[in-house]
Structure formats: structure tokens, C-alpha cells
Amino acid sequence: MKFGTIEELWYEWLHFCDRVMGWLNYVIGNAEDPYSYDGFWEDVFGQPQK
């Protein structure tokens, strides 16, 4: 089932959270590139179930 706008907003929110976490990581000194972070969902909720 596709939700259109709701699904798009959810993915934009996750993308925003990735950017925030990436910049926090960069400021703290754990990352070389603030835009390389791409794991907010996995870090917060664990690996997706298969």
C-alpha cells in the first residue's frame, strides 16, 4: 500500500535526522564528513527485520 505524501514526508524526516546526526558526529569529532552519515533509523531502532 502506498501512502504518497505521508510516505514522502516520512522519508524527508529520516533524511533530516540523518543530517542532524551527521553534523553532531562531525562537531564531536567522530566523523570526517558530516554528510556521510546515513543510519539514523538503524542506530535508533536496530536493524530492520527480514
PDB file of N, CA and C in Angstrom:
ATOM      1  N   MET A   1       0.840  -1.177   0.000  1.00  0.00           N
ATOM      2  CA  MET A   1       0.000   0.000   0.000  1.00  0.00           C
ATOM      3  C   MET A   1       0.887   1.243   0.000  1.00  0.00           C
ATOM      4  N   LYS A   2       0.611   2.172  -0.894  1.00  0.00           N
ATOM      5  CA  LYS A   2       1.375   3.405  -0.985  1.00  0.00           C
ATOM      6  C   LYS A   2       0.596   4.520  -0.296  1.00  0.00           C
ATOM      7  N   PHE A   3       1.346   5.360   0.412  1.00  0.00           N
ATOM      8  CA  PHE A   3       0.701   6.458   1.132  1.00  0.00           C
ATOM      9  C   PHE A   3       1.030   7.823   0.539  1.00  0.00           C
ATOM     10  N   GLY A   4       1.805   7.868  -0.543  1.00  0.00           N
ATOM     11  CA  GLY A   4       2.070   9.109  -1.247  1.00  0.00           C
ATOM     12  C   GLY A   4       2.757  10.148  -0.396  1.00  0.00           C
ATOM     13  N   THR A   5       2.046  11.204  -0.086  1.00  0.00           N
ATOM     14  CA  THR A   5       2.611  12.342   0.622  1.00  0.00           C
ATOM     15  C   THR A   5       3.111  11.970   2.009  1.00  0.00           C
ATOM     16  N   ILE A   6       2.383  11.144   2.722  1.00  0.00           N
ATOM     17  CA  ILE A   6       2.800  10.746   4.070  1.00  0.00           C
ATOM     18  C   ILE A   6       4.132   9.998   4.009  1.00  0.00           C
ATOM     19  N   GLU A   7       4.254   9.099   3.048  1.00  0.00           N
ATOM     20  CA  GLU A   7       5.494   8.340   2.880  1.00  0.00           C
ATOM     21  C   GLU A   7       6.662   9.265   2.533  1.00  0.00           C
ATOM     22  N   GLU A   8       6.423  10.220   1.641  1.00  0.00           N
ATOM     23  CA  GLU A   8       7.463  11.175   1.258  1.00  0.00           C
ATOM     24  C   GLU A   8       7.894  12.018   2.455  1.00  0.00           C
ATOM     25  N   LEU A   9       6.939  12.482   3.237  1.00  0.00           N
ATOM     26  CA  LEU A   9       7.274  13.275   4.422  1.00  0.00           C
ATOM     27  C   LEU A   9       8.072  12.456   5.423  1.00  0.00           C
ATOM     28  N   TRP A  10       7.735  11.184   5.582  1.00  0.00           N
ATOM     29  CA  TRP A  10       8.461  10.306   6.497  1.00  0.00           C
ATOM     30  C   TRP A  10       9.915  10.174   6.055  1.00  0.00           C
ATOM     31  N   TYR A  11      10.138   9.935   4.748  1.00  0.00           N
ATOM     32  CA  TYR A  11      11.499   9.796   4.262  1.00  0.00           C
ATOM     33  C   TYR A  11      12.269  11.105   4.356  1.00  0.00           C
ATOM     34  N   GLU A  12      11.604  12.233   4.162  1.00  0.00           N
ATOM     35  CA  GLU A  12      12.268  13.532   4.328  1.00  0.00           C
ATOM     36  C   GLU A  12      12.652  13.744   5.795  1.00  0.00           C
ATOM     37  N   TRP A  13      11.791  13.329   6.711  1.00  0.00           N
ATOM     38  CA  TRP A  13      12.093  13.453   8.136  1.00  0.00           C
ATOM     39  C   TRP A  13      13.310  12.589   8.503  1.00  0.00           C
ATOM     40  N   LEU A  14      13.350  11.357   7.994  1.00  0.00           N
ATOM     41  CA  LEU A  14      14.502  10.497   8.257  1.00  0.00           C
ATOM     42  C   LEU A  14      15.773  11.084   7.654  1.00  0.00           C
ATOM     43  N   HIS A  15      15.682  11.668   6.480  1.00  0.00           N
ATOM     44  CA  HIS A  15      16.829  12.307   5.840  1.00  0.00           C
ATOM     45  C   HIS A  15      17.318  13.484   6.696  1.00  0.00           C
ATOM     46  N   PHE A  16      16.380  14.276   7.218  1.00  0.00           N
ATOM     47  CA  PHE A  16      16.732  15.389   8.100  1.00  0.00           C
ATOM     48  C   PHE A  16      17.440  14.882   9.362  1.00  0.00           C
ATOM     49  N   CYS A  17      16.922  13.806   9.953  1.00  0.00           N
ATOM     50  CA  CYS A  17      17.550  13.240  11.151  1.00  0.00           C
ATOM     51  C   CYS A  17      18.952  12.730  10.840  1.00  0.00           C
ATOM     52  N   ASP A  18      19.140  12.132   9.657  1.00  0.00           N
ATOM     53  CA  ASP A  18      20.480  11.702   9.242  1.00  0.00           C
ATOM     54  C   ASP A  18      21.424  12.891   9.184  1.00  0.00           C
ATOM     55  N   ARG A  19      20.966  14.008   8.648  1.00  0.00           N
ATOM     56  CA  ARG A  19      21.818  15.203   8.541  1.00  0.00           C
ATOM     57  C   ARG A  19      22.170  15.757   9.928  1.00  0.00           C
ATOM     58  N   VAL A  20      21.186  15.801  10.813  1.00  0.00           N
ATOM     59  CA  VAL A  20      21.436  16.302  12.169  1.00  0.00           C
ATOM     60  C   VAL A  20      22.449  15.411  12.882  1.00  0.00           C
ATOM     61  N   MET A  21      22.261  14.105  12.809  1.00  0.00           N
ATOM     62  CA  MET A  21      23.185  13.177  13.458  1.00  0.00           C
ATOM     63  C   MET A  21      24.566  13.254  12.821  1.00  0.00           C
ATOM     64  N   GLY A  22      24.620  13.416  11.501  1.00  0.00           N
ATOM     65  CA  GLY A  22      25.895  13.546  10.810  1.00  0.00           C
ATOM     66  C   GLY A  22      26.660  14.775  11.260  1.00  0.00           C
ATOM     67  N   TRP A  23      25.976  15.896  11.382  1.00  0.00           N
ATOM     68  CA  TRP A  23      26.643  17.114  11.834  1.00  0.00           C
ATOM     69  C   TRP A  23      27.061  17.013  13.299  1.00  0.00           C
ATOM     70  N   LEU A  24      26.235  16.394  14.140  1.00  0.00           N
ATOM     71  CA  LEU A  24      26.634  16.191  15.537  1.00  0.00           C
ATOM     72  C   LEU A  24      27.894  15.329  15.612  1.00  0.00           C
ATOM     73  N   ASN A  25      27.927  14.283  14.824  1.00  0.00           N
ATOM     74  CA  ASN A  25      29.090  13.408  14.761  1.00  0.00           C
ATOM     75  C   ASN A  25      30.324  14.179  14.299  1.00  0.00           C
ATOM     76  N   TYR A  26      30.149  15.054  13.329  1.00  0.00           N
ATOM     77  CA  TYR A  26      31.241  15.856  12.791  1.00  0.00           C
ATOM     78  C   TYR A  26      31.754  16.848  13.833  1.00  0.00           C
ATOM     79  N   VAL A  27      30.830  17.521  14.526  1.00  0.00           N
ATOM     80  CA  VAL A  27      31.215  18.512  15.542  1.00  0.00           C
ATOM     81  C   VAL A  27      31.935  17.845  16.703  1.00  0.00           C
ATOM     82  N   ILE A  28      31.470  16.678  17.108  1.00  0.00           N
ATOM     83  CA  ILE A  28      32.107  15.957  18.213  1.00  0.00           C
ATOM     84  C   ILE A  28      33.492  15.471  17.808  1.00  0.00           C
ATOM     85  N   GLY A  29      33.662  15.185  16.524  1.00  0.00           N
ATOM     86  CA  GLY A  29      34.968  14.756  16.041  1.00  0.00           C
ATOM     87  C   GLY A  29      35.041  13.302  15.651  1.00  0.00           C
ATOM     88  N   ASN A  30      33.905  12.626  15.593  1.00  0.00           N
ATOM     89  CA  ASN A  30      33.887  11.208  15.245  1.00  0.00           C
ATOM     90  C   ASN A  30      33.791  10.954  13.748  1.00  0.00           C
ATOM     91  N   ALA A  31      33.578  12.010  12.954  1.00  0.00           N
ATOM     92  CA  ALA A  31      33.407  11.816  11.510  1.00  0.00           C
ATOM     93  C   ALA A  31      34.205  12.860  10.751  1.00  0.00           C
ATOM     94  N   GLU A  32      34.674  12.469   9.587  1.00  0.00           N
ATOM     95  CA  GLU A  32      35.412  13.382   8.710  1.00  0.00           C
ATOM     96  C   GLU A  32      34.464  14.197   7.830  1.00  0.00           C
ATOM     97  N   ASP A  33      33.317  13.612   7.486  1.00  0.00           N
ATOM     98  CA  ASP A  33      32.369  14.251   6.579  1.00  0.00           C
ATOM     99  C   ASP A  33      30.977  14.255   7.220  1.00  0.00           C
ATOM    100  N   PRO A  34      30.399  15.433   7.451  1.00  0.00           N
ATOM    101  CA  PRO A  34      29.084  15.480   8.098  1.00  0.00           C
ATOM    102  C   PRO A  34      27.954  14.923   7.234  1.00  0.00           C
ATOM    103  N   TYR A  35      28.178  14.815   5.929  1.00  0.00           N
ATOM    104  CA  TYR A  35      27.123  14.332   5.036  1.00  0.00           C
ATOM    105  C   TYR A  35      27.212  12.837   4.770  1.00  0.00           C
ATOM    106  N   SER A  36      28.178  12.168   5.366  1.00  0.00           N
ATOM    107  CA  SER A  36      28.341  10.739   5.097  1.00  0.00           C
ATOM    108  C   SER A  36      27.465   9.861   5.995  1.00  0.00           C
ATOM    109  N   TYR A  37      26.883  10.420   7.035  1.00  0.00           N
ATOM    110  CA  TYR A  37      26.056   9.638   7.961  1.00  0.00           C
ATOM    111  C   TYR A  37      24.744   9.250   7.291  1.00  0.00           C
ATOM    112  N   ASP A  38      24.388   7.979   7.387  1.00  0.00           N
ATOM    113  CA  ASP A  38      23.147   7.511   6.776  1.00  0.00           C
ATOM    114  C   ASP A  38      22.629   6.291   7.531  1.00  0.00           C
ATOM    115  N   GLY A  39      22.420   6.434   8.845  1.00  0.00           N
ATOM    116  CA  GLY A  39      21.989   5.269   9.603  1.00  0.00           C
ATOM    117  C   GLY A  39      21.130   5.594  10.805  1.00  0.00           C
ATOM    118  N   PHE A  40      20.390   6.700  10.768  1.00  0.00           N
ATOM    119  CA  PHE A  40      19.588   7.109  11.921  1.00  0.00           C
ATOM    120  C   PHE A  40      18.604   6.024  12.339  1.00  0.00           C
ATOM    121  N   TRP A  41      17.837   5.497  11.382  1.00  0.00           N
ATOM    122  CA  TRP A  41      16.811   4.500  11.698  1.00  0.00           C
ATOM    123  C   TRP A  41      17.436   3.262  12.324  1.00  0.00           C
ATOM    124  N   GLU A  42      18.548   2.780  11.729  1.00  0.00           N
ATOM    125  CA  GLU A  42      19.200   1.577  12.232  1.00  0.00           C
ATOM    126  C   GLU A  42      19.831   1.811  13.599  1.00  0.00           C
ATOM    127  N   ASP A  43      20.407   2.985  13.816  1.00  0.00           N
ATOM    128  CA  ASP A  43      21.036   3.278  15.106  1.00  0.00           C
ATOM    129  C   ASP A  43      20.014   3.404  16.227  1.00  0.00           C
ATOM    130  N   VAL A  44      18.869   3.976  15.935  1.00  0.00           N
ATOM    131  CA  VAL A  44      17.859   4.191  16.966  1.00  0.00           C
ATOM    132  C   VAL A  44      17.017   2.940  17.202  1.00  0.00           C
ATOM    133  N   PHE A  45      16.616   2.264  16.132  1.00  0.00           N
ATOM    134  CA  PHE A  45      15.676   1.156  16.259  1.00  0.00           C
ATOM    135  C   PHE A  45      16.271  -0.217  15.981  1.00  0.00           C
ATOM    136  N   GLY A  46      17.530  -0.287  15.662  1.00  0.00           N
ATOM    137  CA  GLY A  46      18.161  -1.573  15.343  1.00  0.00           C
ATOM    138  C   GLY A  46      17.989  -1.925  13.874  1.00  0.00           C
ATOM    139  N   GLN A  47      18.534  -3.051  13.484  1.00  0.00           N
ATOM    140  CA  GLN A  47      18.460  -3.490  12.092  1.00  0.00           C
ATOM    141  C   GLN A  47      17.028  -3.870  11.742  1.00  0.00           C
ATOM    142  N   PRO A  48      16.612  -3.535  10.518  1.00  0.00           N
ATOM    143  CA  PRO A  48      15.245  -3.897  10.114  1.00  0.00           C
ATOM    144  C   PRO A  48      15.039  -5.421  10.116  1.00  0.00           C
ATOM    145  N   GLN A  49      13.844  -5.830  10.460  1.00  0.00           N
ATOM    146  CA  GLN A  49      13.513  -7.254  10.488  1.00  0.00           C
ATOM    147  C   GLN A  49      13.303  -7.764   9.061  1.00  0.00           C
ATOM    148  N   LYS A  50      13.791  -8.965   8.793  1.00  0.00           N
ATOM    149  CA  LYS A  50      13.619  -9.545   7.455  1.00  0.00           C
ATOM    150  C   LYS A  50      12.639 -10.693   7.523  1.00  0.00           C
TER     151      LYS A  50
END
